[in-house]
Amino acid sequence: MGQYESSLNHYHPSVVSSTEPSRYLTHIVVDRVIYRPKQTVHVRSVCLNSFTHLPIQGNENQVVKLQVFEVGSSKEIFSSEIKDPWHDSVFGFDWQIPIDQLPGRYVIKLSFPNQETIPSAEREIEIHGFPKIKAEINFLFNDFEPSQTVTAILKEKYEEIPLA
């Protein structure tokens, strides 16, 4: 039993050296993974100390860089730098998808340019295009009088704009 307790003490926060720089864990969440143009992506992130799970200490003068990339490409779609974004280690940002944004898979990346102890975080989302609706009306008879009942067949076909 004593041997087990000593191995647990190795991971206790009081064992961590005060000269060692603090390391952090970053987690990013979006409200859902599939979007359409003109919808808003709600990005939330939390950053905690990796040993104590406490919020970031002294988080003034920090900058968070938010970027959106196409998957498999370094083409940047959106970029923004926010100064002093933290409130108790929580960061929030809203991005409205432009109406002309092409369908496809995208990566939202948070990075911390002036903090090497805080790792960047990524989350993948998909943007789907608006569906195309093709409707065709076929009348059973060509000539109708004002009091006559009209009979027709309606054919609808839904097509999703293909993903890029």
N, C-alpha and C. Protein backbone atom coordinates (compact mmCIF):
# COMPACT_ATOMS: atom_id res chain seq x y z
N MET A 1 0.83 -1.20 0.00
CA MET A 1 0.00 0.00 0.00
C MET A 1 0.87 1.25 0.00
N GLY A 2 1.95 1.27 0.79
CA GLY A 2 2.83 2.44 0.84
C GLY A 2 3.47 2.73 -0.50
N GLN A 3 3.81 1.68 -1.25
CA GLN A 3 4.41 1.86 -2.57
C GLN A 3 3.42 2.51 -3.52
N TYR A 4 2.13 2.15 -3.43
CA TYR A 4 1.09 2.73 -4.28
C TYR A 4 0.91 4.21 -3.96
N GLU A 5 0.90 4.57 -2.67
CA GLU A 5 0.74 5.98 -2.28
C GLU A 5 1.90 6.83 -2.77
N SER A 6 3.11 6.31 -2.73
CA SER A 6 4.26 7.11 -3.18
C SER A 6 4.19 7.36 -4.68
N SER A 7 3.66 6.40 -5.45
CA SER A 7 3.55 6.64 -6.89
C SER A 7 2.47 7.68 -7.18
N LEU A 8 1.44 7.77 -6.34
CA LEU A 8 0.42 8.80 -6.54
C LEU A 8 0.96 10.18 -6.22
N ASN A 9 1.83 10.28 -5.22
CA ASN A 9 2.38 11.57 -4.83
C ASN A 9 3.23 12.17 -5.95
N HIS A 10 3.75 11.35 -6.83
CA HIS A 10 4.54 11.85 -7.94
C HIS A 10 3.72 12.78 -8.84
N TYR A 11 2.41 12.52 -8.96
CA TYR A 11 1.54 13.30 -9.83
C TYR A 11 0.81 14.42 -9.10
N HIS A 12 1.01 14.55 -7.85
CA HIS A 12 0.34 15.58 -7.07
C HIS A 12 0.87 16.95 -7.46
N PRO A 13 0.02 18.00 -7.57
CA PRO A 13 0.46 19.33 -7.99
C PRO A 13 1.56 19.93 -7.11
N SER A 14 1.62 19.54 -5.83
CA SER A 14 2.65 20.11 -4.96
C SER A 14 4.04 19.61 -5.31
N VAL A 15 4.13 18.50 -6.07
CA VAL A 15 5.42 17.94 -6.45
C VAL A 15 6.02 18.70 -7.62
N VAL A 16 5.18 19.38 -8.41
CA VAL A 16 5.65 20.09 -9.59
C VAL A 16 6.57 21.23 -9.15
N SER A 17 7.72 21.33 -9.81
CA SER A 17 8.71 22.34 -9.46
C SER A 17 8.19 23.74 -9.81
N SER A 18 8.47 24.69 -8.95
CA SER A 18 8.02 26.06 -9.22
C SER A 18 8.87 26.72 -10.29
N THR A 19 10.06 26.16 -10.59
CA THR A 19 10.91 26.73 -11.64
C THR A 19 10.49 26.23 -13.02
N GLU A 20 9.75 25.13 -13.05
CA GLU A 20 9.28 24.59 -14.32
C GLU A 20 8.14 25.47 -14.84
N PRO A 21 8.19 25.86 -16.14
CA PRO A 21 7.09 26.69 -16.66
C PRO A 21 5.78 25.91 -16.67
N SER A 22 4.71 26.61 -16.43
CA SER A 22 3.39 25.96 -16.42
C SER A 22 3.04 25.50 -17.82
N ARG A 23 2.46 24.32 -17.89
CA ARG A 23 1.97 23.80 -19.17
C ARG A 23 0.46 23.78 -19.11
N TYR A 24 -0.15 23.96 -20.26
CA TYR A 24 -1.60 24.07 -20.30
C TYR A 24 -2.20 23.11 -21.31
N LEU A 25 -3.46 22.84 -21.13
CA LEU A 25 -4.25 22.03 -22.06
C LEU A 25 -5.31 22.94 -22.67
N THR A 26 -5.48 22.85 -23.96
CA THR A 26 -6.48 23.67 -24.65
C THR A 26 -7.51 22.76 -25.31
N HIS A 27 -8.77 23.08 -25.11
CA HIS A 27 -9.86 22.31 -25.72
C HIS A 27 -10.78 23.29 -26.43
N ILE A 28 -11.18 22.93 -27.63
CA ILE A 28 -12.06 23.80 -28.42
C ILE A 28 -13.34 23.04 -28.75
N VAL A 29 -14.46 23.75 -28.70
CA VAL A 29 -15.78 23.16 -28.95
C VAL A 29 -16.55 24.11 -29.86
N VAL A 30 -17.32 23.52 -30.78
CA VAL A 30 -18.25 24.29 -31.60
C VAL A 30 -19.65 23.76 -31.31
N ASP A 31 -20.67 24.56 -31.59
CA ASP A 31 -22.03 24.15 -31.22
C ASP A 31 -22.54 22.98 -32.05
N ARG A 32 -22.04 22.77 -33.24
CA ARG A 32 -22.36 21.60 -34.06
C ARG A 32 -21.29 21.46 -35.12
N VAL A 33 -21.35 20.43 -35.95
CA VAL A 33 -20.28 20.22 -36.92
C VAL A 33 -20.70 20.48 -38.37
N ILE A 34 -21.99 20.61 -38.63
CA ILE A 34 -22.47 20.85 -40.00
C ILE A 34 -23.19 22.20 -40.05
N TYR A 35 -22.79 23.03 -41.00
CA TYR A 35 -23.33 24.38 -41.14
C TYR A 35 -23.71 24.64 -42.59
N ARG A 36 -24.45 25.71 -42.79
CA ARG A 36 -24.79 26.23 -44.11
C ARG A 36 -24.32 27.68 -44.17
N PRO A 37 -24.12 28.21 -45.38
CA PRO A 37 -23.75 29.63 -45.49
C PRO A 37 -24.75 30.53 -44.76
N LYS A 38 -24.27 31.61 -44.22
CA LYS A 38 -25.01 32.62 -43.44
C LYS A 38 -25.31 32.17 -42.01
N GLN A 39 -24.96 30.93 -41.63
CA GLN A 39 -25.13 30.50 -40.25
C GLN A 39 -23.91 30.93 -39.43
N THR A 40 -24.08 30.97 -38.12
CA THR A 40 -23.01 31.40 -37.22
C THR A 40 -22.39 30.20 -36.52
N VAL A 41 -21.06 30.15 -36.57
CA VAL A 41 -20.32 29.11 -35.84
C VAL A 41 -19.95 29.71 -34.49
N HIS A 42 -20.39 29.06 -33.42
CA HIS A 42 -20.08 29.52 -32.07
C HIS A 42 -18.89 28.71 -31.56
N VAL A 43 -17.74 29.36 -31.45
CA VAL A 43 -16.50 28.70 -31.02
C VAL A 43 -16.28 29.01 -29.54
N ARG A 44 -16.02 27.97 -28.77
CA ARG A 44 -15.70 28.13 -27.35
C ARG A 44 -14.45 27.33 -27.06
N SER A 45 -13.59 27.89 -26.22
CA SER A 45 -12.36 27.21 -25.85
C SER A 45 -12.11 27.39 -24.37
N VAL A 46 -11.50 26.37 -23.77
CA VAL A 46 -11.10 26.46 -22.37
C VAL A 46 -9.63 26.03 -22.30
N CYS A 47 -8.89 26.72 -21.47
CA CYS A 47 -7.46 26.45 -21.31
C CYS A 47 -7.17 26.33 -19.82
N LEU A 48 -6.67 25.16 -19.41
CA LEU A 48 -6.40 24.90 -18.00
C LEU A 48 -4.98 24.40 -17.81
N ASN A 49 -4.44 24.61 -16.62
CA ASN A 49 -3.13 24.09 -16.27
C ASN A 49 -3.18 22.57 -16.34
N SER A 50 -2.17 21.96 -16.96
CA SER A 50 -2.21 20.51 -17.18
C SER A 50 -2.07 19.70 -15.88
N PHE A 51 -1.47 20.27 -14.83
CA PHE A 51 -1.32 19.53 -13.58
C PHE A 51 -2.42 19.84 -12.57
N THR A 52 -2.71 21.12 -12.41
CA THR A 52 -3.66 21.52 -11.35
C THR A 52 -5.08 21.71 -11.87
N HIS A 53 -5.25 21.80 -13.19
CA HIS A 53 -6.55 22.05 -13.82
C HIS A 53 -7.14 23.38 -13.35
N LEU A 54 -6.26 24.33 -13.02
CA LEU A 54 -6.68 25.67 -12.63
C LEU A 54 -6.64 26.58 -13.86
N PRO A 55 -7.40 27.67 -13.85
CA PRO A 55 -7.38 28.61 -14.98
C PRO A 55 -6.00 29.25 -15.15
N ILE A 56 -5.80 29.86 -16.30
CA ILE A 56 -4.56 30.56 -16.61
C ILE A 56 -4.36 31.71 -15.62
N GLN A 57 -3.16 31.81 -15.10
CA GLN A 57 -2.83 32.91 -14.19
C GLN A 57 -2.14 34.01 -14.98
N GLY A 58 -2.49 35.25 -14.71
CA GLY A 58 -1.86 36.38 -15.40
C GLY A 58 -2.14 36.36 -16.88
N ASN A 59 -3.39 36.35 -17.25
CA ASN A 59 -3.74 36.23 -18.66
C ASN A 59 -3.93 37.58 -19.34
N GLU A 60 -3.32 38.62 -18.82
CA GLU A 60 -3.38 39.90 -19.52
C GLU A 60 -2.30 39.94 -20.60
N ASN A 61 -2.51 40.77 -21.59
CA ASN A 61 -1.61 40.94 -22.73
C ASN A 61 -1.42 39.65 -23.53
N GLN A 62 -2.39 38.81 -23.53
CA GLN A 62 -2.33 37.61 -24.36
C GLN A 62 -3.13 37.84 -25.63
N VAL A 63 -2.72 37.15 -26.67
CA VAL A 63 -3.39 37.27 -27.96
C VAL A 63 -3.79 35.87 -28.41
N VAL A 64 -5.02 35.74 -28.87
CA VAL A 64 -5.49 34.48 -29.46
C VAL A 64 -5.69 34.74 -30.94
N LYS A 65 -5.14 33.84 -31.76
CA LYS A 65 -5.32 33.95 -33.20
C LYS A 65 -6.28 32.85 -33.63
N LEU A 66 -7.39 33.25 -34.23
CA LEU A 66 -8.41 32.32 -34.73
C LEU A 66 -8.29 32.28 -36.25
N GLN A 67 -8.14 31.06 -36.79
CA GLN A 67 -8.02 30.90 -38.23
C GLN A 67 -8.95 29.79 -38.70
N VAL A 68 -9.43 29.93 -39.94
CA VAL A 68 -10.23 28.90 -40.58
C VAL A 68 -9.54 28.52 -41.87
N PHE A 69 -9.28 27.21 -42.03
CA PHE A 69 -8.60 26.68 -43.21
C PHE A 69 -9.46 25.62 -43.88
N GLU A 70 -9.22 25.42 -45.19
CA GLU A 70 -9.80 24.27 -45.86
C GLU A 70 -9.01 23.04 -45.44
N VAL A 71 -9.69 21.90 -45.27
CA VAL A 71 -8.99 20.66 -44.91
C VAL A 71 -8.07 20.25 -46.06
N GLY A 72 -6.84 19.89 -45.72
CA GLY A 72 -5.88 19.47 -46.73
C GLY A 72 -5.26 20.61 -47.51
N SER A 73 -5.44 21.83 -47.04
CA SER A 73 -4.90 23.00 -47.74
C SER A 73 -4.43 24.00 -46.71
N SER A 74 -3.51 24.83 -47.12
CA SER A 74 -3.07 25.90 -46.22
C SER A 74 -3.75 27.22 -46.57
N LYS A 75 -4.76 27.15 -47.44
CA LYS A 75 -5.49 28.36 -47.84
C LYS A 75 -6.34 28.85 -46.67
N GLU A 76 -6.03 30.05 -46.22
CA GLU A 76 -6.72 30.64 -45.08
C GLU A 76 -8.02 31.30 -45.56
N ILE A 77 -9.14 30.94 -44.94
CA ILE A 77 -10.45 31.49 -45.29
C ILE A 77 -10.75 32.71 -44.44
N PHE A 78 -10.40 32.63 -43.16
CA PHE A 78 -10.72 33.68 -42.20
C PHE A 78 -9.61 33.72 -41.16
N SER A 79 -9.29 34.93 -40.69
CA SER A 79 -8.29 35.07 -39.64
C SER A 79 -8.63 36.28 -38.79
N SER A 80 -8.42 36.13 -37.48
CA SER A 80 -8.67 37.24 -36.57
C SER A 80 -7.78 37.08 -35.35
N GLU A 81 -7.22 38.18 -34.89
CA GLU A 81 -6.43 38.19 -33.65
C GLU A 81 -7.20 38.98 -32.60
N ILE A 82 -7.38 38.36 -31.44
CA ILE A 82 -8.13 38.98 -30.36
C ILE A 82 -7.20 39.17 -29.18
N LYS A 83 -7.12 40.41 -28.69
CA LYS A 83 -6.25 40.71 -27.54
C LYS A 83 -7.06 40.60 -26.25
N ASP A 84 -6.46 40.03 -25.23
CA ASP A 84 -7.08 39.83 -23.90
C ASP A 84 -8.45 39.16 -24.02
N PRO A 85 -8.51 37.95 -24.62
CA PRO A 85 -9.80 37.31 -24.86
C PRO A 85 -10.33 36.50 -23.69
N TRP A 86 -9.48 36.21 -22.71
CA TRP A 86 -9.85 35.24 -21.68
C TRP A 86 -10.73 35.84 -20.60
N HIS A 87 -11.63 35.02 -20.11
CA HIS A 87 -12.40 35.32 -18.91
C HIS A 87 -12.44 34.01 -18.13
N ASP A 88 -11.62 33.92 -17.09
CA ASP A 88 -11.48 32.68 -16.30
C ASP A 88 -11.13 31.49 -17.19
N SER A 89 -10.15 31.70 -18.07
CA SER A 89 -9.63 30.65 -18.97
C SER A 89 -10.62 30.19 -20.03
N VAL A 90 -11.68 30.92 -20.25
CA VAL A 90 -12.65 30.57 -21.27
C VAL A 90 -12.63 31.63 -22.35
N PHE A 91 -12.64 31.20 -23.60
CA PHE A 91 -12.60 32.09 -24.74
C PHE A 91 -13.80 31.77 -25.63
N GLY A 92 -14.48 32.79 -26.11
CA GLY A 92 -15.62 32.59 -26.99
C GLY A 92 -15.53 33.50 -28.19
N PHE A 93 -15.97 33.00 -29.34
CA PHE A 93 -15.94 33.78 -30.56
C PHE A 93 -17.02 33.27 -31.49
N ASP A 94 -17.66 34.17 -32.23
CA ASP A 94 -18.68 33.80 -33.21
C ASP A 94 -18.19 34.18 -34.60
N TRP A 95 -18.35 33.26 -35.56
CA TRP A 95 -17.97 33.52 -36.94
C TRP A 95 -19.16 33.24 -37.83
N GLN A 96 -19.62 34.26 -38.56
CA GLN A 96 -20.72 34.06 -39.49
C GLN A 96 -20.14 33.64 -40.83
N ILE A 97 -20.63 32.51 -41.33
CA ILE A 97 -20.15 31.97 -42.59
C ILE A 97 -20.67 32.84 -43.73
N PRO A 98 -19.79 33.31 -44.61
CA PRO A 98 -20.25 34.14 -45.73
C PRO A 98 -21.21 33.39 -46.64
N ILE A 99 -22.12 34.11 -47.28
CA ILE A 99 -23.13 33.52 -48.16
C ILE A 99 -22.49 32.82 -49.35
N ASP A 100 -21.33 33.30 -49.80
CA ASP A 100 -20.67 32.73 -50.97
C ASP A 100 -19.61 31.68 -50.61
N GLN A 101 -19.59 31.24 -49.36
CA GLN A 101 -18.59 30.23 -48.94
C GLN A 101 -18.89 28.90 -49.61
N LEU A 102 -17.87 28.32 -50.22
CA LEU A 102 -18.05 27.05 -50.91
C LEU A 102 -18.26 25.91 -49.92
N PRO A 103 -19.07 24.92 -50.29
CA PRO A 103 -19.23 23.75 -49.43
C PRO A 103 -17.91 23.00 -49.30
N GLY A 104 -17.72 22.35 -48.17
CA GLY A 104 -16.50 21.58 -47.96
C GLY A 104 -16.22 21.37 -46.49
N ARG A 105 -15.06 20.78 -46.20
CA ARG A 105 -14.62 20.55 -44.83
C ARG A 105 -13.58 21.61 -44.47
N TYR A 106 -13.71 22.16 -43.28
CA TYR A 106 -12.84 23.24 -42.83
C TYR A 106 -12.33 22.94 -41.42
N VAL A 107 -11.19 23.54 -41.09
CA VAL A 107 -10.59 23.40 -39.76
C VAL A 107 -10.56 24.77 -39.10
N ILE A 108 -11.08 24.83 -37.88
CA ILE A 108 -10.97 26.04 -37.07
C ILE A 108 -9.78 25.84 -36.14
N LYS A 109 -8.84 26.76 -36.17
CA LYS A 109 -7.62 26.61 -35.37
C LYS A 109 -7.44 27.82 -34.46
N LEU A 110 -7.20 27.54 -33.17
CA LEU A 110 -6.84 28.57 -32.20
C LEU A 110 -5.36 28.42 -31.89
N SER A 111 -4.63 29.51 -31.96
CA SER A 111 -3.21 29.47 -31.61
C SER A 111 -2.89 30.68 -30.73
N PHE A 112 -1.78 30.58 -30.05
CA PHE A 112 -1.38 31.59 -29.07
C PHE A 112 0.03 32.05 -29.43
N PRO A 113 0.17 33.09 -30.26
CA PRO A 113 1.47 33.49 -30.79
C PRO A 113 2.52 33.84 -29.73
N ASN A 114 2.12 34.47 -28.62
CA ASN A 114 3.11 34.90 -27.64
C ASN A 114 3.17 33.99 -26.41
N GLN A 115 2.60 32.80 -26.48
CA GLN A 115 2.62 31.86 -25.35
C GLN A 115 3.03 30.48 -25.85
N GLU A 116 4.30 30.11 -25.65
CA GLU A 116 4.75 28.80 -26.13
C GLU A 116 4.29 27.65 -25.23
N THR A 117 3.82 27.95 -24.00
CA THR A 117 3.37 26.89 -23.10
C THR A 117 1.90 26.52 -23.32
N ILE A 118 1.18 27.30 -24.14
CA ILE A 118 -0.22 27.00 -24.41
C ILE A 118 -0.31 26.40 -25.81
N PRO A 119 -0.72 25.14 -25.91
CA PRO A 119 -0.78 24.52 -27.24
C PRO A 119 -1.97 25.03 -28.05
N SER A 120 -1.83 24.95 -29.36
CA SER A 120 -2.94 25.33 -30.23
C SER A 120 -3.98 24.21 -30.22
N ALA A 121 -5.18 24.53 -30.68
CA ALA A 121 -6.26 23.55 -30.73
C ALA A 121 -6.98 23.67 -32.06
N GLU A 122 -7.50 22.55 -32.56
CA GLU A 122 -8.20 22.53 -33.84
C GLU A 122 -9.50 21.77 -33.72
N ARG A 123 -10.47 22.17 -34.55
CA ARG A 123 -11.76 21.48 -34.61
C ARG A 123 -12.21 21.52 -36.07
N GLU A 124 -12.68 20.39 -36.58
CA GLU A 124 -13.12 20.32 -37.97
C GLU A 124 -14.63 20.52 -38.05
N ILE A 125 -15.07 21.29 -39.07
CA ILE A 125 -16.49 21.49 -39.34
C ILE A 125 -16.74 21.25 -40.82
N GLU A 126 -18.01 21.08 -41.17
CA GLU A 126 -18.41 20.93 -42.57
C GLU A 126 -19.39 22.03 -42.92
N ILE A 127 -19.24 22.55 -44.13
CA ILE A 127 -20.19 23.53 -44.64
C ILE A 127 -20.86 22.89 -45.84
N HIS A 128 -22.18 22.77 -45.77
CA HIS A 128 -22.96 22.21 -46.87
C HIS A 128 -23.63 23.35 -47.62
N GLY A 129 -23.82 23.16 -48.91
CA GLY A 129 -24.49 24.18 -49.70
C GLY A 129 -26.00 24.10 -49.56
N PHE A 130 -26.67 25.10 -50.09
CA PHE A 130 -28.12 25.09 -50.08
C PHE A 130 -28.61 24.03 -51.06
N PRO A 131 -29.69 23.31 -50.74
CA PRO A 131 -30.19 22.30 -51.67
C PRO A 131 -30.86 22.97 -52.87
N LYS A 132 -30.72 22.33 -54.01
CA LYS A 132 -31.42 22.78 -55.21
C LYS A 132 -32.69 21.95 -55.33
N ILE A 133 -33.80 22.59 -55.59
CA ILE A 133 -35.06 21.88 -55.76
C ILE A 133 -35.50 22.06 -57.21
N LYS A 134 -35.63 20.94 -57.90
CA LYS A 134 -36.10 20.97 -59.29
C LYS A 134 -37.52 20.43 -59.29
N ALA A 135 -38.48 21.26 -59.69
CA ALA A 135 -39.89 20.85 -59.70
C ALA A 135 -40.40 20.86 -61.15
N GLU A 136 -41.15 19.81 -61.47
CA GLU A 136 -41.72 19.70 -62.81
C GLU A 136 -43.21 19.36 -62.66
N ILE A 137 -44.06 20.15 -63.33
CA ILE A 137 -45.51 19.92 -63.28
C ILE A 137 -45.96 19.44 -64.65
N ASN A 138 -46.56 18.26 -64.67
CA ASN A 138 -47.11 17.70 -65.92
C ASN A 138 -48.63 17.63 -65.80
N PHE A 139 -49.33 18.41 -66.65
CA PHE A 139 -50.80 18.40 -66.67
C PHE A 139 -51.28 17.21 -67.48
N LEU A 140 -52.36 16.57 -67.01
CA LEU A 140 -52.88 15.40 -67.73
C LEU A 140 -53.61 15.80 -69.01
N PHE A 141 -54.18 16.99 -69.04
CA PHE A 141 -54.85 17.50 -70.24
C PHE A 141 -54.27 18.88 -70.56
N ASN A 142 -54.26 19.20 -71.86
CA ASN A 142 -53.68 20.47 -72.25
C ASN A 142 -54.68 21.63 -72.21
N ASP A 143 -55.96 21.38 -72.46
CA ASP A 143 -56.96 22.45 -72.52
C ASP A 143 -57.89 22.34 -71.32
N PHE A 144 -58.10 23.48 -70.63
CA PHE A 144 -58.98 23.52 -69.46
C PHE A 144 -59.93 24.69 -69.58
N GLU A 145 -61.12 24.51 -69.05
CA GLU A 145 -62.09 25.59 -68.98
C GLU A 145 -62.09 26.13 -67.55
N PRO A 146 -62.62 27.36 -67.32
CA PRO A 146 -62.56 27.96 -65.99
C PRO A 146 -63.20 27.13 -64.88
N SER A 147 -64.24 26.39 -65.13
CA SER A 147 -64.90 25.63 -64.07
C SER A 147 -64.41 24.19 -63.96
N GLN A 148 -63.49 23.79 -64.81
CA GLN A 148 -63.01 22.42 -64.84
C GLN A 148 -61.93 22.19 -63.78
N THR A 149 -61.93 21.00 -63.18
CA THR A 149 -60.90 20.63 -62.21
C THR A 149 -59.62 20.27 -62.96
N VAL A 150 -58.52 20.81 -62.47
CA VAL A 150 -57.23 20.57 -63.11
C VAL A 150 -56.55 19.39 -62.42
N THR A 151 -56.01 18.49 -63.21
CA THR A 151 -55.28 17.34 -62.69
C THR A 151 -53.86 17.39 -63.24
N ALA A 152 -52.88 17.25 -62.33
CA ALA A 152 -51.47 17.33 -62.74
C ALA A 152 -50.64 16.42 -61.86
N ILE A 153 -49.46 16.13 -62.33
CA ILE A 153 -48.48 15.34 -61.57
C ILE A 153 -47.29 16.25 -61.26
N LEU A 154 -46.93 16.30 -59.99
CA LEU A 154 -45.80 17.13 -59.56
C LEU A 154 -44.62 16.21 -59.25
N LYS A 155 -43.49 16.48 -59.91
CA LYS A 155 -42.27 15.72 -59.66
C LYS A 155 -41.23 16.67 -59.05
N GLU A 156 -40.71 16.28 -57.88
CA GLU A 156 -39.69 17.09 -57.21
C GLU A 156 -38.40 16.29 -57.10
N LYS A 157 -37.32 16.99 -57.30
CA LYS A 157 -36.02 16.34 -57.16
C LYS A 157 -35.12 17.28 -56.36
N TYR A 158 -34.59 16.78 -55.23
CA TYR A 158 -33.69 17.57 -54.40
C TYR A 158 -32.26 17.20 -54.71
N GLU A 159 -31.45 18.21 -54.93
CA GLU A 159 -30.04 17.98 -55.20
C GLU A 159 -29.22 18.85 -54.25
N GLU A 160 -28.31 18.25 -53.53
CA GLU A 160 -27.41 18.99 -52.65
C GLU A 160 -26.26 19.52 -53.51
N ILE A 161 -25.84 20.75 -53.27
CA ILE A 161 -24.66 21.26 -53.95
C ILE A 161 -23.49 20.38 -53.51
N PRO A 162 -22.73 19.81 -54.45
CA PRO A 162 -21.67 18.87 -54.06
C PRO A 162 -20.60 19.54 -53.19
N LEU A 163 -20.04 18.74 -52.28
CA LEU A 163 -18.95 19.24 -51.44
C LEU A 163 -17.72 19.44 -52.27
N ALA A 164 -16.97 20.48 -51.95
CA ALA A 164 -15.74 20.78 -52.69
C ALA A 164 -14.65 19.78 -52.34
